[in-house]
PDB file of N, CA and C in Angstrom:
ATOM      1  N   MET A   1       0.830  -1.189   0.000  1.00  0.00           N
ATOM      2  CA  MET A   1       0.000   0.000   0.000  1.00  0.00           C
ATOM      3  C   MET A   1       0.876   1.255   0.000  1.00  0.00           C
ATOM      4  N   LEU A   2       1.931   1.231   0.802  1.00  0.00           N
ATOM      5  CA  LEU A   2       2.794   2.409   0.872  1.00  0.00           C
ATOM      6  C   LEU A   2       3.984   2.314  -0.074  1.00  0.00           C
ATOM      7  N   SER A   3       4.510   1.117  -0.241  1.00  0.00           N
ATOM      8  CA  SER A   3       5.724   0.981  -1.047  1.00  0.00           C
ATOM      9  C   SER A   3       5.447   0.997  -2.543  1.00  0.00           C
ATOM     10  N   ALA A   4       4.246   0.622  -2.954  1.00  0.00           N
ATOM     11  CA  ALA A   4       3.930   0.595  -4.380  1.00  0.00           C
ATOM     12  C   ALA A   4       2.482   1.032  -4.615  1.00  0.00           C
ATOM     13  N   PRO A   5       2.143   2.276  -4.298  1.00  0.00           N
ATOM     14  CA  PRO A   5       0.760   2.723  -4.457  1.00  0.00           C
ATOM     15  C   PRO A   5       0.267   2.658  -5.899  1.00  0.00           C
ATOM     16  N   GLU A   6       1.196   2.671  -6.836  1.00  0.00           N
ATOM     17  CA  GLU A   6       0.802   2.600  -8.253  1.00  0.00           C
ATOM     18  C   GLU A   6       0.182   1.248  -8.613  1.00  0.00           C
ATOM     19  N   ARG A   7       0.376   0.244  -7.779  1.00  0.00           N
ATOM     20  CA  ARG A   7      -0.201  -1.075  -8.032  1.00  0.00           C
ATOM     21  C   ARG A   7      -1.685  -1.119  -7.689  1.00  0.00           C
ATOM     22  N   PHE A   8      -2.174  -0.083  -7.017  1.00  0.00           N
ATOM     23  CA  PHE A   8      -3.584  -0.017  -6.638  1.00  0.00           C
ATOM     24  C   PHE A   8      -4.371   0.686  -7.730  1.00  0.00           C
ATOM     25  N   SER A   9      -5.579   0.201  -7.965  1.00  0.00           N
ATOM     26  CA  SER A   9      -6.465   0.894  -8.900  1.00  0.00           C
ATOM     27  C   SER A   9      -6.928   2.189  -8.243  1.00  0.00           C
ATOM     28  N   ASP A  10      -7.486   3.082  -9.049  1.00  0.00           N
ATOM     29  CA  ASP A  10      -8.004   4.340  -8.503  1.00  0.00           C
ATOM     30  C   ASP A  10      -9.073   4.071  -7.452  1.00  0.00           C
ATOM     31  N   ASP A  11      -9.966   3.098  -7.738  1.00  0.00           N
ATOM     32  CA  ASP A  11     -11.045   2.784  -6.804  1.00  0.00           C
ATOM     33  C   ASP A  11     -10.510   2.245  -5.480  1.00  0.00           C
ATOM     34  N   SER A  12      -9.547   1.335  -5.546  1.00  0.00           N
ATOM     35  CA  SER A  12      -9.019   0.780  -4.295  1.00  0.00           C
ATOM     36  C   SER A  12      -8.211   1.816  -3.525  1.00  0.00           C
ATOM     37  N   ARG A  13      -7.514   2.689  -4.219  1.00  0.00           N
ATOM     38  CA  ARG A  13      -6.771   3.762  -3.554  1.00  0.00           C
ATOM     39  C   ARG A  13      -7.741   4.690  -2.824  1.00  0.00           C
ATOM     40  N   LYS A  14      -8.892   4.976  -3.439  1.00  0.00           N
ATOM     41  CA  LYS A  14      -9.904   5.818  -2.786  1.00  0.00           C
ATOM     42  C   LYS A  14     -10.447   5.144  -1.529  1.00  0.00           C
ATOM     43  N   LEU A  15     -10.663   3.824  -1.598  1.00  0.00           N
ATOM     44  CA  LEU A  15     -11.132   3.078  -0.425  1.00  0.00           C
ATOM     45  C   LEU A  15     -10.130   3.169   0.717  1.00  0.00           C
ATOM     46  N   VAL A  16      -8.863   2.981   0.389  1.00  0.00           N
ATOM     47  CA  VAL A  16      -7.801   2.995   1.394  1.00  0.00           C
ATOM     48  C   VAL A  16      -7.646   4.389   2.000  1.00  0.00           C
ATOM     49  N   GLU A  17      -7.786   5.407   1.190  1.00  0.00           N
ATOM     50  CA  GLU A  17      -7.580   6.776   1.660  1.00  0.00           C
ATOM     51  C   GLU A  17      -8.803   7.385   2.346  1.00  0.00           C
ATOM     52  N   ALA A  18      -9.975   6.784   2.157  1.00  0.00           N
ATOM     53  CA  ALA A  18     -11.203   7.332   2.751  1.00  0.00           C
ATOM     54  C   ALA A  18     -11.139   7.228   4.271  1.00  0.00           C
ATOM     55  N   ILE A  19     -11.269   8.336   4.930  1.00  0.00           N
ATOM     56  CA  ILE A  19     -11.121   8.414   6.387  1.00  0.00           C
ATOM     57  C   ILE A  19     -12.165   7.560   7.119  1.00  0.00           C
ATOM     58  N   GLU A  20     -13.324   7.364   6.509  1.00  0.00           N
ATOM     59  CA  GLU A  20     -14.390   6.604   7.176  1.00  0.00           C
ATOM     60  C   GLU A  20     -14.152   5.089   7.141  1.00  0.00           C
ATOM     61  N   ASN A  21     -13.197   4.643   6.342  1.00  0.00           N
ATOM     62  CA  ASN A  21     -12.895   3.212   6.272  1.00  0.00           C
ATOM     63  C   ASN A  21     -11.784   2.845   7.252  1.00  0.00           C
ATOM     64  N   GLU A  22     -12.061   1.864   8.087  1.00  0.00           N
ATOM     65  CA  GLU A  22     -11.056   1.374   9.022  1.00  0.00           C
ATOM     66  C   GLU A  22     -10.281   0.254   8.324  1.00  0.00           C
ATOM     67  N   LEU A  23      -8.971   0.354   8.335  1.00  0.00           N
ATOM     68  CA  LEU A  23      -8.108  -0.630   7.680  1.00  0.00           C
ATOM     69  C   LEU A  23      -7.454  -1.521   8.731  1.00  0.00           C
ATOM     70  N   TYR A  24      -7.368  -2.812   8.419  1.00  0.00           N
ATOM     71  CA  TYR A  24      -6.787  -3.782   9.337  1.00  0.00           C
ATOM     72  C   TYR A  24      -5.586  -4.456   8.689  1.00  0.00           C
ATOM     73  N   LEU A  25      -4.608  -4.783   9.507  1.00  0.00           N
ATOM     74  CA  LEU A  25      -3.491  -5.609   9.078  1.00  0.00           C
ATOM     75  C   LEU A  25      -3.489  -6.834   9.975  1.00  0.00           C
ATOM     76  N   SER A  26      -3.679  -7.987   9.375  1.00  0.00           N
ATOM     77  CA  SER A  26      -3.699  -9.225  10.128  1.00  0.00           C
ATOM     78  C   SER A  26      -2.312  -9.557  10.671  1.00  0.00           C
ATOM     79  N   ALA A  27      -2.298 -10.151  11.851  1.00  0.00           N
ATOM     80  CA  ALA A  27      -1.038 -10.660  12.402  1.00  0.00           C
ATOM     81  C   ALA A  27      -0.447 -11.700  11.454  1.00  0.00           C
ATOM     82  N   ALA A  28      -1.289 -12.373  10.678  1.00  0.00           N
ATOM     83  CA  ALA A  28      -0.798 -13.333   9.681  1.00  0.00           C
ATOM     84  C   ALA A  28       0.034 -12.623   8.618  1.00  0.00           C
ATOM     85  N   SER A  29      -0.378 -11.442   8.218  1.00  0.00           N
ATOM     86  CA  SER A  29       0.384 -10.678   7.226  1.00  0.00           C
ATOM     87  C   SER A  29       1.700 -10.193   7.811  1.00  0.00           C
ATOM     88  N   ALA A  30       1.669  -9.740   9.065  1.00  0.00           N
ATOM     89  CA  ALA A  30       2.916  -9.317   9.720  1.00  0.00           C
ATOM     90  C   ALA A  30       3.877 -10.499   9.835  1.00  0.00           C
ATOM     91  N   TRP A  31       3.356 -11.655  10.159  1.00  0.00           N
ATOM     92  CA  TRP A  31       4.154 -12.875  10.279  1.00  0.00           C
ATOM     93  C   TRP A  31       4.783 -13.232   8.927  1.00  0.00           C
ATOM     94  N   GLU A  32       3.978 -13.175   7.867  1.00  0.00           N
ATOM     95  CA  GLU A  32       4.480 -13.475   6.525  1.00  0.00           C
ATOM     96  C   GLU A  32       5.563 -12.476   6.109  1.00  0.00           C
ATOM     97  N   ILE A  33       5.370 -11.201   6.409  1.00  0.00           N
ATOM     98  CA  ILE A  33       6.378 -10.179   6.111  1.00  0.00           C
ATOM     99  C   ILE A  33       7.678 -10.501   6.836  1.00  0.00           C
ATOM    100  N   ALA A  34       7.576 -10.852   8.111  1.00  0.00           N
ATOM    101  CA  ALA A  34       8.767 -11.169   8.910  1.00  0.00           C
ATOM    102  C   ALA A  34       9.521 -12.370   8.340  1.00  0.00           C
ATOM    103  N   ILE A  35       8.792 -13.391   7.936  1.00  0.00           N
ATOM    104  CA  ILE A  35       9.433 -14.591   7.370  1.00  0.00           C
ATOM    105  C   ILE A  35      10.118 -14.267   6.055  1.00  0.00           C
ATOM    106  N   LYS A  36       9.419 -13.563   5.166  1.00  0.00           N
ATOM    107  CA  LYS A  36      10.014 -13.227   3.866  1.00  0.00           C
ATOM    108  C   LYS A  36      11.234 -12.318   4.034  1.00  0.00           C
ATOM    109  N   TYR A  37      11.168 -11.410   4.992  1.00  0.00           N
ATOM    110  CA  TYR A  37      12.307 -10.530   5.267  1.00  0.00           C
ATOM    111  C   TYR A  37      13.499 -11.356   5.745  1.00  0.00           C
ATOM    112  N   GLN A  38      13.263 -12.247   6.683  1.00  0.00           N
ATOM    113  CA  GLN A  38      14.337 -13.071   7.235  1.00  0.00           C
ATOM    114  C   GLN A  38      14.971 -13.969   6.174  1.00  0.00           C
ATOM    115  N   LEU A  39      14.174 -14.461   5.246  1.00  0.00           N
ATOM    116  CA  LEU A  39      14.678 -15.320   4.174  1.00  0.00           C
ATOM    117  C   LEU A  39      15.350 -14.542   3.046  1.00  0.00           C
ATOM    118  N   GLY A  40      15.299 -13.211   3.115  1.00  0.00           N
ATOM    119  CA  GLY A  40      15.891 -12.379   2.072  1.00  0.00           C
ATOM    120  C   GLY A  40      15.015 -12.231   0.845  1.00  0.00           C
ATOM    121  N   LYS A  41      13.742 -12.602   0.940  1.00  0.00           N
ATOM    122  CA  LYS A  41      12.818 -12.499  -0.187  1.00  0.00           C
ATOM    123  C   LYS A  41      12.064 -11.177  -0.217  1.00  0.00           C
ATOM    124  N   LEU A  42      12.254 -10.365   0.832  1.00  0.00           N
ATOM    125  CA  LEU A  42      11.584  -9.077   0.923  1.00  0.00           C
ATOM    126  C   LEU A  42      12.576  -8.053   1.466  1.00  0.00           C
ATOM    127  N   GLN A  43      12.822  -7.045   0.676  1.00  0.00           N
ATOM    128  CA  GLN A  43      13.728  -5.966   1.091  1.00  0.00           C
ATOM    129  C   GLN A  43      12.899  -4.857   1.728  1.00  0.00           C
ATOM    130  N   LEU A  44      13.327  -4.421   2.904  1.00  0.00           N
ATOM    131  CA  LEU A  44      12.653  -3.338   3.612  1.00  0.00           C
ATOM    132  C   LEU A  44      13.699  -2.323   4.069  1.00  0.00           C
ATOM    133  N   PRO A  45      13.289  -1.071   4.282  1.00  0.00           N
ATOM    134  CA  PRO A  45      14.251  -0.047   4.721  1.00  0.00           C
ATOM    135  C   PRO A  45      14.729  -0.239   6.158  1.00  0.00           C
ATOM    136  N   SER A  46      13.987  -1.012   6.953  1.00  0.00           N
ATOM    137  CA  SER A  46      14.396  -1.332   8.317  1.00  0.00           C
ATOM    138  C   SER A  46      13.743  -2.649   8.729  1.00  0.00           C
ATOM    139  N   ARG A  47      14.105  -3.136   9.905  1.00  0.00           N
ATOM    140  CA  ARG A  47      13.575  -4.412  10.383  1.00  0.00           C
ATOM    141  C   ARG A  47      12.046  -4.346  10.508  1.00  0.00           C
ATOM    142  N   PRO A  48      11.362  -5.450  10.194  1.00  0.00           N
ATOM    143  CA  PRO A  48       9.899  -5.450  10.299  1.00  0.00           C
ATOM    144  C   PRO A  48       9.380  -5.054  11.678  1.00  0.00           C
ATOM    145  N   ALA A  49      10.090  -5.464  12.732  1.00  0.00           N
ATOM    146  CA  ALA A  49       9.642  -5.149  14.093  1.00  0.00           C
ATOM    147  C   ALA A  49       9.613  -3.644  14.355  1.00  0.00           C
ATOM    148  N   GLU A  50      10.404  -2.890  13.622  1.00  0.00           N
ATOM    149  CA  GLU A  50      10.397  -1.431  13.745  1.00  0.00           C
ATOM    150  C   GLU A  50       9.474  -0.805  12.703  1.00  0.00           C
ATOM    151  N   LEU A  51       9.592  -1.286  11.477  1.00  0.00           N
ATOM    152  CA  LEU A  51       8.902  -0.669  10.349  1.00  0.00           C
ATOM    153  C   LEU A  51       7.391  -0.841  10.388  1.00  0.00           C
ATOM    154  N   ILE A  52       6.915  -2.052  10.610  1.00  0.00           N
ATOM    155  CA  ILE A  52       5.475  -2.320  10.520  1.00  0.00           C
ATOM    156  C   ILE A  52       4.686  -1.517  11.572  1.00  0.00           C
ATOM    157  N   PRO A  53       5.071  -1.534  12.857  1.00  0.00           N
ATOM    158  CA  PRO A  53       4.327  -0.702  13.814  1.00  0.00           C
ATOM    159  C   PRO A  53       4.375   0.791  13.480  1.00  0.00           C
ATOM    160  N   GLU A  54       5.529   1.253  12.987  1.00  0.00           N
ATOM    161  CA  GLU A  54       5.659   2.663  12.612  1.00  0.00           C
ATOM    162  C   GLU A  54       4.695   3.016  11.481  1.00  0.00           C
ATOM    163  N   LEU A  55       4.646   2.173  10.447  1.00  0.00           N
ATOM    164  CA  LEU A  55       3.754   2.430   9.317  1.00  0.00           C
ATOM    165  C   LEU A  55       2.287   2.308   9.717  1.00  0.00           C
ATOM    166  N   MET A  56       1.991   1.342  10.578  1.00  0.00           N
ATOM    167  CA  MET A  56       0.609   1.196  11.039  1.00  0.00           C
ATOM    168  C   MET A  56       0.166   2.436  11.799  1.00  0.00           C
ATOM    169  N   SER A  57       1.045   2.970  12.600  1.00  0.00           N
ATOM    170  CA  SER A  57       0.727   4.183  13.365  1.00  0.00           C
ATOM    171  C   SER A  57       0.505   5.377  12.435  1.00  0.00           C
ATOM    172  N   LYS A  58       1.376   5.526  11.445  1.00  0.00           N
ATOM    173  CA  LYS A  58       1.256   6.633  10.489  1.00  0.00           C
ATOM    174  C   LYS A  58      -0.034   6.567   9.683  1.00  0.00           C
ATOM    175  N   THR A  59      -0.461   5.363   9.352  1.00  0.00           N
ATOM    176  CA  THR A  59      -1.613   5.189   8.477  1.00  0.00           C
ATOM    177  C   THR A  59      -2.882   4.831   9.239  1.00  0.00           C
ATOM    178  N   THR A  60      -2.831   4.788  10.540  1.00  0.00           N
ATOM    179  CA  THR A  60      -3.937   4.411  11.421  1.00  0.00           C
ATOM    180  C   THR A  60      -4.529   3.033  11.084  1.00  0.00           C
ATOM    181  N   VAL A  61      -3.688   2.136  10.606  1.00  0.00           N
ATOM    182  CA  VAL A  61      -4.109   0.763  10.360  1.00  0.00           C
ATOM    183  C   VAL A  61      -4.205   0.051  11.705  1.00  0.00           C
ATOM    184  N   VAL A  62      -5.268  -0.724  11.873  1.00  0.00           N
ATOM    185  CA  VAL A  62      -5.545  -1.418  13.126  1.00  0.00           C
ATOM    186  C   VAL A  62      -5.011  -2.850  13.053  1.00  0.00           C
ATOM    187  N   ALA A  63      -4.391  -3.307  14.136  1.00  0.00           N
ATOM    188  CA  ALA A  63      -3.894  -4.682  14.199  1.00  0.00           C
ATOM    189  C   ALA A  63      -5.064  -5.652  14.351  1.00  0.00           C
ATOM    190  N   LEU A  64      -5.050  -6.704  13.554  1.00  0.00           N
ATOM    191  CA  LEU A  64      -6.053  -7.766  13.661  1.00  0.00           C
ATOM    192  C   LEU A  64      -5.343  -9.011  14.180  1.00  0.00           C
ATOM    193  N   PRO A  65      -5.561  -9.354  15.448  1.00  0.00           N
ATOM    194  CA  PRO A  65      -4.875 -10.514  16.011  1.00  0.00           C
ATOM    195  C   PRO A  65      -5.423 -11.820  15.449  1.00  0.00           C
ATOM    196  N   ILE A  66      -4.647 -12.864  15.594  1.00  0.00           N
ATOM    197  CA  ILE A  66      -5.090 -14.208  15.216  1.00  0.00           C
ATOM    198  C   ILE A  66      -5.703 -14.854  16.451  1.00  0.00           C
ATOM    199  N   ARG A  67      -6.936 -15.293  16.326  1.00  0.00           N
ATOM    200  CA  ARG A  67      -7.634 -15.969  17.427  1.00  0.00           C
ATOM    201  C   ARG A  67      -7.722 -17.474  17.130  1.00  0.00           C
ATOM    202  N   HIS A  68      -7.967 -18.242  18.168  1.00  0.00           N
ATOM    203  CA  HIS A  68      -8.132 -19.683  17.978  1.00  0.00           C
ATOM    204  C   HIS A  68      -9.224 -19.973  16.944  1.00  0.00           C
ATOM    205  N   SER A  69     -10.316 -19.221  17.021  1.00  0.00           N
ATOM    206  CA  SER A  69     -11.428 -19.444  16.083  1.00  0.00           C
ATOM    207  C   SER A  69     -10.985 -19.237  14.640  1.00  0.00           C
ATOM    208  N   HIS A  70     -10.064 -18.311  14.415  1.00  0.00           N
ATOM    209  CA  HIS A  70      -9.545 -18.080  13.058  1.00  0.00           C
ATOM    210  C   HIS A  70      -8.764 -19.309  12.591  1.00  0.00           C
ATOM    211  N   GLY A  71      -7.867 -19.771  13.448  1.00  0.00           N
ATOM    212  CA  GLY A  71      -7.062 -20.934  13.091  1.00  0.00           C
ATOM    213  C   GLY A  71      -7.911 -22.167  12.849  1.00  0.00           C
ATOM    214  N   LEU A  72      -8.921 -22.372  13.677  1.00  0.00           N
ATOM    215  CA  LEU A  72      -9.779 -23.544  13.530  1.00  0.00           C
ATOM    216  C   LEU A  72     -10.676 -23.455  12.303  1.00  0.00           C
ATOM    217  N   ARG A  73     -11.046 -22.247  11.919  1.00  0.00           N
ATOM    218  CA  ARG A  73     -11.903 -22.058  10.733  1.00  0.00           C
ATOM    219  C   ARG A  73     -11.197 -22.531   9.462  1.00  0.00           C
ATOM    220  N   VAL A  74      -9.876 -22.447   9.442  1.00  0.00           N
ATOM    221  CA  VAL A  74      -9.107 -22.870   8.271  1.00  0.00           C
ATOM    222  C   VAL A  74      -9.444 -24.309   7.887  1.00  0.00           C
ATOM    223  N   ALA A  75      -9.691 -25.164   8.870  1.00  0.00           N
ATOM    224  CA  ALA A  75     -10.013 -26.572   8.605  1.00  0.00           C
ATOM    225  C   ALA A  75     -11.346 -26.739   7.883  1.00  0.00           C
ATOM    226  N   GLU A  76     -12.197 -25.728   7.938  1.00  0.00           N
ATOM    227  CA  GLU A  76     -13.508 -25.784   7.292  1.00  0.00           C
ATOM    228  C   GLU A  76     -13.501 -25.206   5.878  1.00  0.00           C
ATOM    229  N   LEU A  77     -12.400 -24.610   5.473  1.00  0.00           N
ATOM    230  CA  LEU A  77     -12.333 -23.986   4.147  1.00  0.00           C
ATOM    231  C   LEU A  77     -12.098 -25.029   3.070  1.00  0.00           C
ATOM    232  N   PRO A  78     -12.738 -24.850   1.922  1.00  0.00           N
ATOM    233  CA  PRO A  78     -12.437 -25.741   0.803  1.00  0.00           C
ATOM    234  C   PRO A  78     -10.997 -25.531   0.336  1.00  0.00           C
ATOM    235  N   PRO A  79     -10.396 -26.538  -0.269  1.00  0.00           N
ATOM    236  CA  PRO A  79      -8.970 -26.452  -0.649  1.00  0.00           C
ATOM    237  C   PRO A  79      -8.714 -25.704  -1.954  1.00  0.00           C
ATOM    238  N   HIS A  80      -9.280 -24.514  -2.092  1.00  0.00           N
ATOM    239  CA  HIS A  80      -9.059 -23.725  -3.304  1.00  0.00           C
ATOM    240  C   HIS A  80      -7.620 -23.238  -3.412  1.00  0.00           C
ATOM    241  N   HIS A  81      -6.982 -23.080  -2.275  1.00  0.00           N
ATOM    242  CA  HIS A  81      -5.677 -22.423  -2.227  1.00  0.00           C
ATOM    243  C   HIS A  81      -4.888 -23.081  -1.108  1.00  0.00           C
ATOM    244  N   SER A  82      -3.605 -23.331  -1.309  1.00  0.00           N
ATOM    245  CA  SER A  82      -2.829 -24.055  -0.303  1.00  0.00           C
ATOM    246  C   SER A  82      -1.976 -23.156   0.589  1.00  0.00           C
ATOM    247  N   ASP A  83      -1.848 -21.882   0.280  1.00  0.00           N
ATOM    248  CA  ASP A  83      -1.006 -20.993   1.082  1.00  0.00           C
ATOM    249  C   ASP A  83      -1.624 -20.810   2.475  1.00  0.00           C
ATOM    250  N   PRO A  84      -0.896 -21.211   3.533  1.00  0.00           N
ATOM    251  CA  PRO A  84      -1.486 -21.137   4.880  1.00  0.00           C
ATOM    252  C   PRO A  84      -1.787 -19.712   5.340  1.00  0.00           C
ATOM    253  N   PHE A  85      -0.982 -18.751   4.942  1.00  0.00           N
ATOM    254  CA  PHE A  85      -1.239 -17.361   5.327  1.00  0.00           C
ATOM    255  C   PHE A  85      -2.520 -16.857   4.673  1.00  0.00           C
ATOM    256  N   ASP A  86      -2.675 -17.125   3.389  1.00  0.00           N
ATOM    257  CA  ASP A  86      -3.870 -16.688   2.669  1.00  0.00           C
ATOM    258  C   ASP A  86      -5.125 -17.357   3.224  1.00  0.00           C
ATOM    259  N   ARG A  87      -5.027 -18.639   3.554  1.00  0.00           N
ATOM    260  CA  ARG A  87      -6.179 -19.349   4.115  1.00  0.00           C
ATOM    261  C   ARG A  87      -6.576 -18.744   5.468  1.00  0.00           C
ATOM    262  N   LEU A  88      -5.592 -18.348   6.243  1.00  0.00           N
ATOM    263  CA  LEU A  88      -5.888 -17.711   7.530  1.00  0.00           C
ATOM    264  C   LEU A  88      -6.543 -16.351   7.316  1.00  0.00           C
ATOM    265  N   LEU A  89      -6.106 -15.609   6.306  1.00  0.00           N
ATOM    266  CA  LEU A  89      -6.744 -14.327   5.992  1.00  0.00           C
ATOM    267  C   LEU A  89      -8.204 -14.522   5.596  1.00  0.00           C
ATOM    268  N   VAL A  90      -8.483 -15.566   4.830  1.00  0.00           N
ATOM    269  CA  VAL A  90      -9.868 -15.866   4.448  1.00  0.00           C
ATOM    270  C   VAL A  90     -10.694 -16.181   5.694  1.00  0.00           C
ATOM    271  N   ALA A  91     -10.160 -17.009   6.568  1.00  0.00           N
ATOM    272  CA  ALA A  91     -10.873 -17.361   7.797  1.00  0.00           C
ATOM    273  C   ALA A  91     -11.163 -16.115   8.634  1.00  0.00           C
ATOM    274  N   GLN A  92     -10.177 -15.252   8.771  1.00  0.00           N
ATOM    275  CA  GLN A  92     -10.380 -14.020   9.533  1.00  0.00           C
ATOM    276  C   GLN A  92     -11.444 -13.143   8.885  1.00  0.00           C
ATOM    277  N   ALA A  93     -11.371 -12.985   7.583  1.00  0.00           N
ATOM    278  CA  ALA A  93     -12.337 -12.147   6.877  1.00  0.00           C
ATOM    279  C   ALA A  93     -13.752 -12.698   7.058  1.00  0.00           C
ATOM    280  N   GLN A  94     -13.900 -14.009   6.967  1.00  0.00           N
ATOM    281  CA  GLN A  94     -15.222 -14.611   7.133  1.00  0.00           C
ATOM    282  C   GLN A  94     -15.763 -14.393   8.547  1.00  0.00           C
ATOM    283  N   LEU A  95     -14.954 -14.709   9.537  1.00  0.00           N
ATOM    284  CA  LEU A  95     -15.423 -14.633  10.919  1.00  0.00           C
ATOM    285  C   LEU A  95     -15.602 -13.207  11.419  1.00  0.00           C
ATOM    286  N   GLU A  96     -14.795 -12.284  10.925  1.00  0.00           N
ATOM    287  CA  GLU A  96     -14.876 -10.894  11.372  1.00  0.00           C
ATOM    288  C   GLU A  96     -15.764 -10.043  10.472  1.00  0.00           C
ATOM    289  N   GLY A  97     -16.253 -10.620   9.370  1.00  0.00           N
ATOM    290  CA  GLY A  97     -17.111  -9.873   8.452  1.00  0.00           C
ATOM    291  C   GLY A  97     -16.380  -8.747   7.751  1.00  0.00           C
ATOM    292  N   LEU A  98     -15.119  -9.016   7.371  1.00  0.00           N
ATOM    293  CA  LEU A  98     -14.282  -8.003   6.724  1.00  0.00           C
ATOM    294  C   LEU A  98     -14.016  -8.380   5.273  1.00  0.00           C
ATOM    295  N   PRO A  99     -13.985  -7.398   4.381  1.00  0.00           N
ATOM    296  CA  PRO A  99     -13.564  -7.690   3.003  1.00  0.00           C
ATOM    297  C   PRO A  99     -12.043  -7.788   2.936  1.00  0.00           C
ATOM    298  N   LEU A 100     -11.565  -8.469   1.914  1.00  0.00           N
ATOM    299  CA  LEU A 100     -10.131  -8.561   1.648  1.00  0.00           C
ATOM    300  C   LEU A 100      -9.798  -7.676   0.462  1.00  0.00           C
ATOM    301  N   LEU A 101      -8.831  -6.802   0.624  1.00  0.00           N
ATOM    302  CA  LEU A 101      -8.337  -5.976  -0.470  1.00  0.00           C
ATOM    303  C   LEU A 101      -7.072  -6.638  -0.990  1.00  0.00           C
ATOM    304  N   THR A 102      -7.126  -7.140  -2.216  1.00  0.00           N
ATOM    305  CA  THR A 102      -6.010  -7.905  -2.754  1.00  0.00           C
ATOM    306  C   THR A 102      -6.015  -7.892  -4.280  1.00  0.00           C
ATOM    307  N   ALA A 103      -4.850  -8.132  -4.828  1.00  0.00           N
ATOM    308  CA  ALA A 103      -4.731  -8.320  -6.273  1.00  0.00           C
ATOM    309  C   ALA A 103      -4.684  -9.803  -6.612  1.00  0.00           C
ATOM    310  N   ASP A 104      -4.653 -10.656  -5.595  1.00  0.00           N
ATOM    311  CA  ASP A 104      -4.510 -12.102  -5.776  1.00  0.00           C
ATOM    312  C   ASP A 104      -5.854 -12.732  -6.128  1.00  0.00           C
ATOM    313  N   PRO A 105      -5.990 -13.306  -7.328  1.00  0.00           N
ATOM    314  CA  PRO A 105      -7.256 -13.922  -7.718  1.00  0.00           C
ATOM    315  C   PRO A 105      -7.554 -15.225  -6.981  1.00  0.00           C
ATOM    316  N   GLN A 106      -6.592 -15.753  -6.228  1.00  0.00           N
ATOM    317  CA  GLN A 106      -6.787 -17.004  -5.496  1.00  0.00           C
ATOM    318  C   GLN A 106      -7.882 -16.898  -4.428  1.00  0.00           C
ATOM    319  N   PHE A 107      -8.203 -15.691  -3.989  1.00  0.00           N
ATOM    320  CA  PHE A 107      -9.201 -15.511  -2.936  1.00  0.00           C
ATOM    321  C   PHE A 107     -10.634 -15.587  -3.462  1.00  0.00           C
ATOM    322  N   GLU A 108     -10.827 -15.361  -4.730  1.00  0.00           N
ATOM    323  CA  GLU A 108     -12.168 -15.229  -5.290  1.00  0.00           C
ATOM    324  C   GLU A 108     -13.060 -16.461  -5.138  1.00  0.00           C
ATOM    325  N   PRO A 109     -12.536 -17.697  -5.180  1.00  0.00           N
ATOM    326  CA  PRO A 109     -13.430 -18.848  -5.013  1.00  0.00           C
ATOM    327  C   PRO A 109     -14.007 -19.001  -3.603  1.00  0.00           C
ATOM    328  N   TYR A 110     -13.457 -18.309  -2.634  1.00  0.00           N
ATOM    329  CA  TYR A 110     -13.927 -18.445  -1.262  1.00  0.00           C
ATOM    330  C   TYR A 110     -15.158 -17.587  -1.009  1.00  0.00           C
ATOM    331  N   ASP A 111     -15.903 -17.969   0.002  1.00  0.00           N
ATOM    332  CA  ASP A 111     -17.080 -17.218   0.408  1.00  0.00           C
ATOM    333  C   ASP A 111     -16.647 -16.048   1.277  1.00  0.00           C
ATOM    334  N   VAL A 112     -16.096 -15.034   0.612  1.00  0.00           N
ATOM    335  CA  VAL A 112     -15.601 -13.837   1.284  1.00  0.00           C
ATOM    336  C   VAL A 112     -15.648 -12.684   0.285  1.00  0.00           C
ATOM    337  N   GLU A 113     -15.914 -11.487   0.781  1.00  0.00           N
ATOM    338  CA  GLU A 113     -15.932 -10.319  -0.102  1.00  0.00           C
ATOM    339  C   GLU A 113     -14.501  -9.948  -0.472  1.00  0.00           C
ATOM    340  N   VAL A 114     -14.237  -9.897  -1.766  1.00  0.00           N
ATOM    341  CA  VAL A 114     -12.912  -9.550  -2.257  1.00  0.00           C
ATOM    342  C   VAL A 114     -13.005  -8.227  -3.005  1.00  0.00           C
ATOM    343  N   LEU A 115     -12.185  -7.277  -2.567  1.00  0.00           N
ATOM    344  CA  LEU A 115     -12.080  -5.997  -3.267  1.00  0.00           C
ATOM    345  C   LEU A 115     -10.767  -6.042  -4.033  1.00  0.00           C
ATOM    346  N   ARG A 116     -10.835  -5.826  -5.322  1.00  0.00           N
ATOM    347  CA  ARG A 116      -9.643  -5.915  -6.171  1.00  0.00           C
ATOM    348  C   ARG A 116      -8.764  -4.672  -6.022  1.00  0.00           C
ATOM    349  N   ALA A 117      -7.507  -4.924  -5.690  1.00  0.00           N
ATOM    350  CA  ALA A 117      -6.547  -3.831  -5.583  1.00  0.00           C
ATOM    351  C   ALA A 117      -6.170  -3.412  -6.980  1.00  0.00           C
TER     352      ALA A 117
END
């Protein structure tokens, strides 16, 4: 969202920038960022433990914790997609009644609202 805003469509950028919309970052996404950073697959200007909270504070993004119910819901999802992080995001979106903003078409077969980035 911040590192490559040009990847967002005009409509999704308006959604993200609209003050009335509350934005969430799942702990699953923070975990995935940390793993990719540690493996050298993601370059960041500073360590995730410093950068992510700083960016969340600047953008008023709210932390979405992982609950047991989220993890257990994954077992009920059809096997449309095998990525464990993405499956957890679907479970969270379903249980919390949140849409997913993504460019990944893998989410579309699930029973969840997908907003195309």
